[in-house]
Every structure is written in C-alpha cells, then in structure tokens.
Amino acid sequence: MQYEICCFAEEDLLKQCDLSEIGSHGVVSEILTGKRELDIRQVRALSERFGVSAASFV
C-alpha cells in the first residue's frame, strides 16, 4: 500500500507535507513506513486526489 502512495506521489512530485489530506506529517510518515494502515477516509481522499480507484490503496 505504501508503495502505491509513493508511486503516485513521485509522479506528481509530492512530498509528505503535500499529503495533508490523509493526516498530519507524523501520520503520513507512519503510513509510508508501514507502521500504520490507511482508514477508509484516507483511502477516499487519496483516490480523489490521484483520480484512481480506491481499490488501488486497499
């Protein structure tokens, strides 16, 4: 899951601070390092942000 987020973020030249719709800098860091799972709200936000199916993050 974190791989998919990283790929989409790299394509758009985004940094962790640019993903504030899924949480604080600390939360984003934990998600990207695999210490925390995405919740449904975060999945929906990422789906809308990147214009892909929510299934891409599940």
Protein backbone atom coordinates (compact mmCIF):
# COMPACT_ATOMS: atom_id res chain seq x y z
CA MET A 1 0.00 0.00 0.00
CA GLN A 2 2.72 2.49 0.88
CA TYR A 3 4.37 1.58 -2.45
CA GLU A 4 1.28 2.78 -4.34
CA ILE A 5 1.18 6.05 -2.41
CA CYS A 6 4.87 6.64 -3.05
CA CYS A 7 4.48 5.96 -6.77
CA PHE A 8 1.58 8.39 -7.14
CA ALA A 9 3.34 11.00 -5.01
CA GLU A 10 6.56 10.71 -7.02
CA GLU A 11 4.68 11.09 -10.30
CA ASP A 12 3.21 14.37 -9.04
CA LEU A 13 6.50 15.44 -7.36
CA LEU A 14 4.81 15.50 -3.95
CA LYS A 15 6.41 15.42 -0.53
CA GLN A 16 4.97 14.11 2.74
CA CYS A 17 3.75 17.58 3.67
CA ASP A 18 1.73 17.67 0.43
CA LEU A 19 -0.38 14.72 1.60
CA SER A 20 -2.03 16.58 4.47
CA GLU A 21 -5.49 15.35 3.44
CA ILE A 22 -4.62 11.96 4.94
CA GLY A 23 -3.28 13.31 8.22
CA SER A 24 -0.51 15.12 9.99
CA HIS A 25 3.12 14.83 8.93
CA GLY A 26 3.60 12.15 11.58
CA VAL A 27 0.60 10.13 10.41
CA VAL A 28 1.72 10.34 6.78
CA SER A 29 5.19 9.19 7.80
CA GLU A 30 3.77 6.22 9.71
CA ILE A 31 1.63 5.21 6.74
CA LEU A 32 4.54 5.46 4.30
CA THR A 33 6.79 3.37 6.56
CA GLY A 34 4.12 0.71 7.08
CA LYS A 35 3.61 1.42 10.78
CA ARG A 36 0.00 2.48 10.25
CA GLU A 37 -2.76 1.34 7.89
CA LEU A 38 -4.95 3.69 5.90
CA ASP A 39 -8.50 4.15 7.14
CA ILE A 40 -11.46 4.48 4.78
CA ARG A 41 -11.44 8.29 4.91
CA GLN A 42 -7.79 8.37 3.91
CA VAL A 43 -8.36 5.86 1.10
CA ARG A 44 -11.17 8.00 -0.29
CA ALA A 45 -9.07 11.17 -0.04
CA LEU A 46 -6.16 9.56 -1.89
CA SER A 47 -8.50 8.12 -4.50
CA GLU A 48 -9.92 11.57 -5.21
CA ARG A 49 -6.52 13.26 -5.10
CA PHE A 50 -4.93 10.93 -7.65
CA GLY A 51 -8.04 10.15 -9.69
CA VAL A 52 -7.79 6.38 -9.27
CA SER A 53 -9.96 3.66 -7.78
CA ALA A 54 -9.99 3.34 -4.02
CA ALA A 55 -9.03 -0.29 -4.57
CA SER A 56 -5.56 0.94 -5.52
CA PHE A 57 -4.92 1.68 -1.84
CA VAL A 58 -6.53 -1.35 -0.22
